[in-house]
Each structure stands twice: as structure tokens, then as C-alpha cells.
Amino acid sequence: MDQRISLITLGVPDMAQAAAFYEALGWQRAESPDGVIAFDLISQTLGLYPLAALAEDIGLPVEELGTGAMTLSYNTRSAADVATLLAKAEAAGATILRPAGEVFWGGTIGYFRAPDGHIWEIAHNPFSPLSDDGAFRWNGYGTEAGG
């Protein structure tokens, strides 16, 4: 696993209020599907996602996520890499919360809880290809939208 974080997803109770906050800071939204708000950062993306939907994706009750619910996401180059990295994390002491599987938006994801309690998403997004050095952008590298 390369030493990087691709996507920081914050589970928020009020998407409009959270988006307005980041926009007030001068951030501009990246194009994204309904239900997700994304802001491209330098080499990462900050994603806002409804708290209840995030809990459902992970497979935990929303109460267990607390008020600081978030996932640290690592994007892979292929869908097969998701299961490989989940197995590697489990071997290192992580608890698998959701095994690798396809999701509604066309990608592959899985979740694990690190021994320190932080939750990670391992994902392959076929619409967001990584740069040669592994950098992530919401709309990918090598495309008109992604640069």
C-alpha cells in the first residue's frame, strides 16, 4: 500500500450547511453525482456525505460513528486491488467492516477498522483514474475534467 490518502469523506448531518461552509472558505465544488459533494484538494479530495448514508455504507449504526464520523479513503488502480488491500489490512490486525464489492455508482469498495479505531475505505473508482504517481482527483487524471 502506497503512503497516501486519496479521499477524506466526512459524514455530515446537513449537506447544504456543510457545503456552504467550505464554499464560504473559497472552495469550489467538483462535479459529482447526487448525494455526494466533493472539493478537490491538492492531491486529495474532501467529500461530504450524509451521515446516515455513510453509516449504512459501512454497516454500523449511526450512533456508533459519533459526531466526528469520517473515513480515510485509499483509491486503487483496479477493482481487484480492493480485496487484496483489505486482506493485507486484516492480516495486519484490522477488522473488515465491509468486504470488497460493487457499489451503485459503478466502483468497488470495502471498509476496515484499523486497530486504533479509524475507519478506512479502500476503493476503485473507474471514473477517477489515478495519475502516474498515484495522486487522486475526483474526476481523475488524464481526462479533460481531471487535468
C-alpha atoms as a PDB file:
ATOM      1  CA  MET A   1       0.000   0.000   0.000  1.00  0.00           C
ATOM      2  CA  ASP A   2       1.494   3.349  -1.051  1.00  0.00           C
ATOM      3  CA  GLN A   3       1.793   6.017   1.653  1.00  0.00           C
ATOM      4  CA  ARG A   4      -1.103   8.300   0.674  1.00  0.00           C
ATOM      5  CA  ILE A   5      -4.719   9.229   1.353  1.00  0.00           C
ATOM      6  CA  SER A   6      -6.941   9.689  -1.697  1.00  0.00           C
ATOM      7  CA  LEU A   7     -10.284  10.867  -0.378  1.00  0.00           C
ATOM      8  CA  ILE A   8     -11.342  12.219   3.008  1.00  0.00           C
ATOM      9  CA  THR A   9     -15.088  11.635   3.466  1.00  0.00           C
ATOM     10  CA  LEU A  10     -16.852  13.478   6.265  1.00  0.00           C
ATOM     11  CA  GLY A  11     -20.229  12.179   7.394  1.00  0.00           C
ATOM     12  CA  VAL A  12     -22.340  15.277   7.941  1.00  0.00           C
ATOM     13  CA  PRO A  13     -25.915  15.679   9.220  1.00  0.00           C
ATOM     14  CA  ASP A  14     -26.691  18.674   6.959  1.00  0.00           C
ATOM     15  CA  MET A  15     -25.123  18.511   3.482  1.00  0.00           C
ATOM     16  CA  ALA A  16     -26.207  22.014   2.424  1.00  0.00           C
ATOM     17  CA  GLN A  17     -24.845  23.624   5.583  1.00  0.00           C
ATOM     18  CA  ALA A  18     -21.544  21.755   5.346  1.00  0.00           C
ATOM     19  CA  ALA A  19     -21.119  22.628   1.652  1.00  0.00           C
ATOM     20  CA  ALA A  20     -21.918  26.286   2.345  1.00  0.00           C
ATOM     21  CA  PHE A  21     -19.182  26.362   4.982  1.00  0.00           C
ATOM     22  CA  TYR A  22     -16.464  25.112   2.600  1.00  0.00           C
ATOM     23  CA  GLU A  23     -17.739  27.330  -0.205  1.00  0.00           C
ATOM     24  CA  ALA A  24     -17.553  30.297   2.191  1.00  0.00           C
ATOM     25  CA  LEU A  25     -13.876  29.458   2.627  1.00  0.00           C
ATOM     26  CA  GLY A  26     -13.477  29.888  -1.126  1.00  0.00           C
ATOM     27  CA  TRP A  27     -13.504  26.206  -2.085  1.00  0.00           C
ATOM     28  CA  GLN A  28     -15.176  25.207  -5.340  1.00  0.00           C
ATOM     29  CA  ARG A  29     -17.149  22.011  -5.830  1.00  0.00           C
ATOM     30  CA  ALA A  30     -16.043  19.342  -8.261  1.00  0.00           C
ATOM     31  CA  GLU A  31     -18.709  17.821 -10.486  1.00  0.00           C
ATOM     32  CA  SER A  32     -20.139  14.784  -8.671  1.00  0.00           C
ATOM     33  CA  PRO A  33     -23.277  12.612  -8.600  1.00  0.00           C
ATOM     34  CA  ASP A  34     -26.305  13.482  -6.465  1.00  0.00           C
ATOM     35  CA  GLY A  35     -25.824  12.566  -2.825  1.00  0.00           C
ATOM     36  CA  VAL A  36     -22.108  13.436  -2.761  1.00  0.00           C
ATOM     37  CA  ILE A  37     -20.427  16.831  -2.564  1.00  0.00           C
ATOM     38  CA  ALA A  38     -16.727  16.914  -3.455  1.00  0.00           C
ATOM     39  CA  PHE A  39     -13.989  19.523  -3.245  1.00  0.00           C
ATOM     40  CA  ASP A  40     -10.689  18.709  -4.973  1.00  0.00           C
ATOM     41  CA  LEU A  41      -7.665  19.471  -2.806  1.00  0.00           C
ATOM     42  CA  ILE A  42      -4.009  19.313  -3.705  1.00  0.00           C
ATOM     43  CA  SER A  43      -3.580  15.575  -4.366  1.00  0.00           C
ATOM     44  CA  GLN A  44      -6.736  14.642  -2.410  1.00  0.00           C
ATOM     45  CA  THR A  45     -10.463  15.276  -2.427  1.00  0.00           C
ATOM     46  CA  LEU A  46     -12.674  16.206   0.509  1.00  0.00           C
ATOM     47  CA  GLY A  47     -16.061  14.519   0.185  1.00  0.00           C
ATOM     48  CA  LEU A  48     -19.212  15.350   2.141  1.00  0.00           C
ATOM     49  CA  TYR A  49     -21.697  12.507   2.516  1.00  0.00           C
ATOM     50  CA  PRO A  50     -24.930  12.203   4.514  1.00  0.00           C
ATOM     51  CA  LEU A  51     -24.120  10.769   7.945  1.00  0.00           C
ATOM     52  CA  ALA A  52     -26.902   8.146   7.809  1.00  0.00           C
ATOM     53  CA  ALA A  53     -25.820   7.002   4.326  1.00  0.00           C
ATOM     54  CA  LEU A  54     -22.201   6.724   5.478  1.00  0.00           C
ATOM     55  CA  ALA A  55     -23.246   4.567   8.447  1.00  0.00           C
ATOM     56  CA  GLU A  56     -25.278   2.354   6.106  1.00  0.00           C
ATOM     57  CA  ASP A  57     -22.364   2.007   3.655  1.00  0.00           C
ATOM     58  CA  ILE A  58     -20.027   0.930   6.460  1.00  0.00           C
ATOM     59  CA  GLY A  59     -22.594  -1.342   8.091  1.00  0.00           C
ATOM     60  CA  LEU A  60     -22.628   0.287  11.548  1.00  0.00           C
ATOM     61  CA  PRO A  61     -25.350   2.122  13.470  1.00  0.00           C
ATOM     62  CA  VAL A  62     -25.039   5.896  13.057  1.00  0.00           C
ATOM     63  CA  GLU A  63     -24.718   6.216  16.862  1.00  0.00           C
ATOM     64  CA  GLU A  64     -21.501   4.189  16.743  1.00  0.00           C
ATOM     65  CA  LEU A  65     -19.893   6.685  14.352  1.00  0.00           C
ATOM     66  CA  GLY A  66     -20.232   9.616  16.751  1.00  0.00           C
ATOM     67  CA  THR A  67     -20.177  13.254  15.756  1.00  0.00           C
ATOM     68  CA  GLY A  68     -16.794  13.101  14.058  1.00  0.00           C
ATOM     69  CA  ALA A  69     -17.748  10.375  11.586  1.00  0.00           C
ATOM     70  CA  MET A  70     -15.378  10.093   8.651  1.00  0.00           C
ATOM     71  CA  THR A  71     -13.468   7.601   6.570  1.00  0.00           C
ATOM     72  CA  LEU A  72      -9.934   7.806   5.294  1.00  0.00           C
ATOM     73  CA  SER A  73     -10.027   6.535   1.727  1.00  0.00           C
ATOM     74  CA  TYR A  74      -7.363   4.911  -0.369  1.00  0.00           C
ATOM     75  CA  ASN A  75      -8.049   4.588  -4.085  1.00  0.00           C
ATOM     76  CA  THR A  76      -6.590   1.733  -6.101  1.00  0.00           C
ATOM     77  CA  ARG A  77      -5.710   1.289  -9.752  1.00  0.00           C
ATOM     78  CA  SER A  78      -8.001  -1.742 -10.212  1.00  0.00           C
ATOM     79  CA  ALA A  79     -11.130  -3.265  -8.695  1.00  0.00           C
ATOM     80  CA  ALA A  80      -9.187  -6.434  -7.802  1.00  0.00           C
ATOM     81  CA  ASP A  81      -6.759  -4.372  -5.708  1.00  0.00           C
ATOM     82  CA  VAL A  82      -9.583  -3.526  -3.262  1.00  0.00           C
ATOM     83  CA  ALA A  83      -9.887  -7.107  -1.971  1.00  0.00           C
ATOM     84  CA  THR A  84      -6.101  -7.534  -1.983  1.00  0.00           C
ATOM     85  CA  LEU A  85      -5.567  -4.485   0.222  1.00  0.00           C
ATOM     86  CA  LEU A  86      -8.433  -5.442   2.550  1.00  0.00           C
ATOM     87  CA  ALA A  87      -6.778  -8.830   3.072  1.00  0.00           C
ATOM     88  CA  LYS A  88      -3.451  -7.143   3.744  1.00  0.00           C
ATOM     89  CA  ALA A  89      -5.085  -4.824   6.286  1.00  0.00           C
ATOM     90  CA  GLU A  90      -6.809  -7.755   8.001  1.00  0.00           C
ATOM     91  CA  ALA A  91      -3.520  -9.616   8.193  1.00  0.00           C
ATOM     92  CA  ALA A  92      -2.001  -6.545   9.840  1.00  0.00           C
ATOM     93  CA  GLY A  93      -4.690  -6.511  12.546  1.00  0.00           C
ATOM     94  CA  ALA A  94      -7.594  -4.577  11.004  1.00  0.00           C
ATOM     95  CA  THR A  95     -11.233  -5.648  11.300  1.00  0.00           C
ATOM     96  CA  ILE A  96     -13.070  -5.908   7.978  1.00  0.00           C
ATOM     97  CA  LEU A  97     -16.344  -3.981   8.235  1.00  0.00           C
ATOM     98  CA  ARG A  98     -17.481  -4.454   4.634  1.00  0.00           C
ATOM     99  CA  PRO A  99     -15.797  -6.822   2.182  1.00  0.00           C
ATOM    100  CA  ALA A 100     -14.924  -5.666  -1.328  1.00  0.00           C
ATOM    101  CA  GLY A 101     -17.979  -5.271  -3.524  1.00  0.00           C
ATOM    102  CA  GLU A 102     -19.555  -3.195  -6.255  1.00  0.00           C
ATOM    103  CA  VAL A 103     -21.486  -0.033  -5.367  1.00  0.00           C
ATOM    104  CA  PHE A 104     -24.308   1.930  -7.015  1.00  0.00           C
ATOM    105  CA  TRP A 105     -22.042   4.487  -8.682  1.00  0.00           C
ATOM    106  CA  GLY A 106     -20.040   1.867 -10.612  1.00  0.00           C
ATOM    107  CA  GLY A 107     -16.992   1.361  -8.427  1.00  0.00           C
ATOM    108  CA  THR A 108     -15.736  -1.212  -5.947  1.00  0.00           C
ATOM    109  CA  ILE A 109     -15.329  -0.505  -2.230  1.00  0.00           C
ATOM    110  CA  GLY A 110     -14.649  -2.172   1.097  1.00  0.00           C
ATOM    111  CA  TYR A 111     -14.098  -0.874   4.637  1.00  0.00           C
ATOM    112  CA  PHE A 112     -11.843  -1.818   7.529  1.00  0.00           C
ATOM    113  CA  ARG A 113     -11.331  -0.528  11.045  1.00  0.00           C
ATOM    114  CA  ALA A 114      -7.661  -0.046  11.918  1.00  0.00           C
ATOM    115  CA  PRO A 115      -6.512  -1.268  15.325  1.00  0.00           C
ATOM    116  CA  ASP A 116      -6.569   2.354  16.531  1.00  0.00           C
ATOM    117  CA  GLY A 117     -10.262   2.599  15.619  1.00  0.00           C
ATOM    118  CA  HIS A 118     -10.044   4.752  12.488  1.00  0.00           C
ATOM    119  CA  ILE A 119     -12.159   3.568   9.580  1.00  0.00           C
ATOM    120  CA  TRP A 120     -10.634   3.281   6.113  1.00  0.00           C
ATOM    121  CA  GLU A 121     -12.345   2.820   2.771  1.00  0.00           C
ATOM    122  CA  ILE A 122     -10.441   1.015   0.035  1.00  0.00           C
ATOM    123  CA  ALA A 123     -11.942   1.951  -3.323  1.00  0.00           C
ATOM    124  CA  HIS A 124     -11.545   1.635  -7.049  1.00  0.00           C
ATOM    125  CA  ASN A 125     -13.298   4.389  -8.988  1.00  0.00           C
ATOM    126  CA  PRO A 126     -13.207   3.665 -12.734  1.00  0.00           C
ATOM    127  CA  PHE A 127     -14.251   7.277 -13.386  1.00  0.00           C
ATOM    128  CA  SER A 128     -11.286   8.724 -11.457  1.00  0.00           C
ATOM    129  CA  PRO A 129      -8.078   7.188 -12.810  1.00  0.00           C
ATOM    130  CA  LEU A 130      -5.013   7.909 -10.672  1.00  0.00           C
ATOM    131  CA  SER A 131      -2.043   9.857 -12.005  1.00  0.00           C
ATOM    132  CA  ASP A 132       1.197   8.015 -12.727  1.00  0.00           C
ATOM    133  CA  ASP A 133       2.438   8.832  -9.205  1.00  0.00           C
ATOM    134  CA  GLY A 134      -0.809   7.700  -7.554  1.00  0.00           C
ATOM    135  CA  ALA A 135      -2.315  11.147  -6.999  1.00  0.00           C
ATOM    136  CA  PHE A 136      -6.120  11.235  -6.869  1.00  0.00           C
ATOM    137  CA  ARG A 137      -8.631  13.754  -8.165  1.00  0.00           C
ATOM    138  CA  TRP A 138     -12.382  13.304  -8.003  1.00  0.00           C
ATOM    139  CA  ASN A 139     -12.700  13.344 -11.816  1.00  0.00           C
ATOM    140  CA  GLY A 140      -9.395  11.584 -12.419  1.00  0.00           C
ATOM    141  CA  TYR A 141      -6.167  12.331 -14.211  1.00  0.00           C
ATOM    142  CA  GLY A 142      -5.694  12.140 -17.941  1.00  0.00           C
ATOM    143  CA  THR A 143      -9.199  13.403 -18.646  1.00  0.00           C
ATOM    144  CA  GLU A 144     -10.340  16.863 -19.631  1.00  0.00           C
ATOM    145  CA  ALA A 145     -12.157  17.288 -16.293  1.00  0.00           C
ATOM    146  CA  GLY A 146      -9.268  15.985 -14.223  1.00  0.00           C
ATOM    147  CA  GLY A 147      -6.311  17.618 -15.921  1.00  0.00           C
END
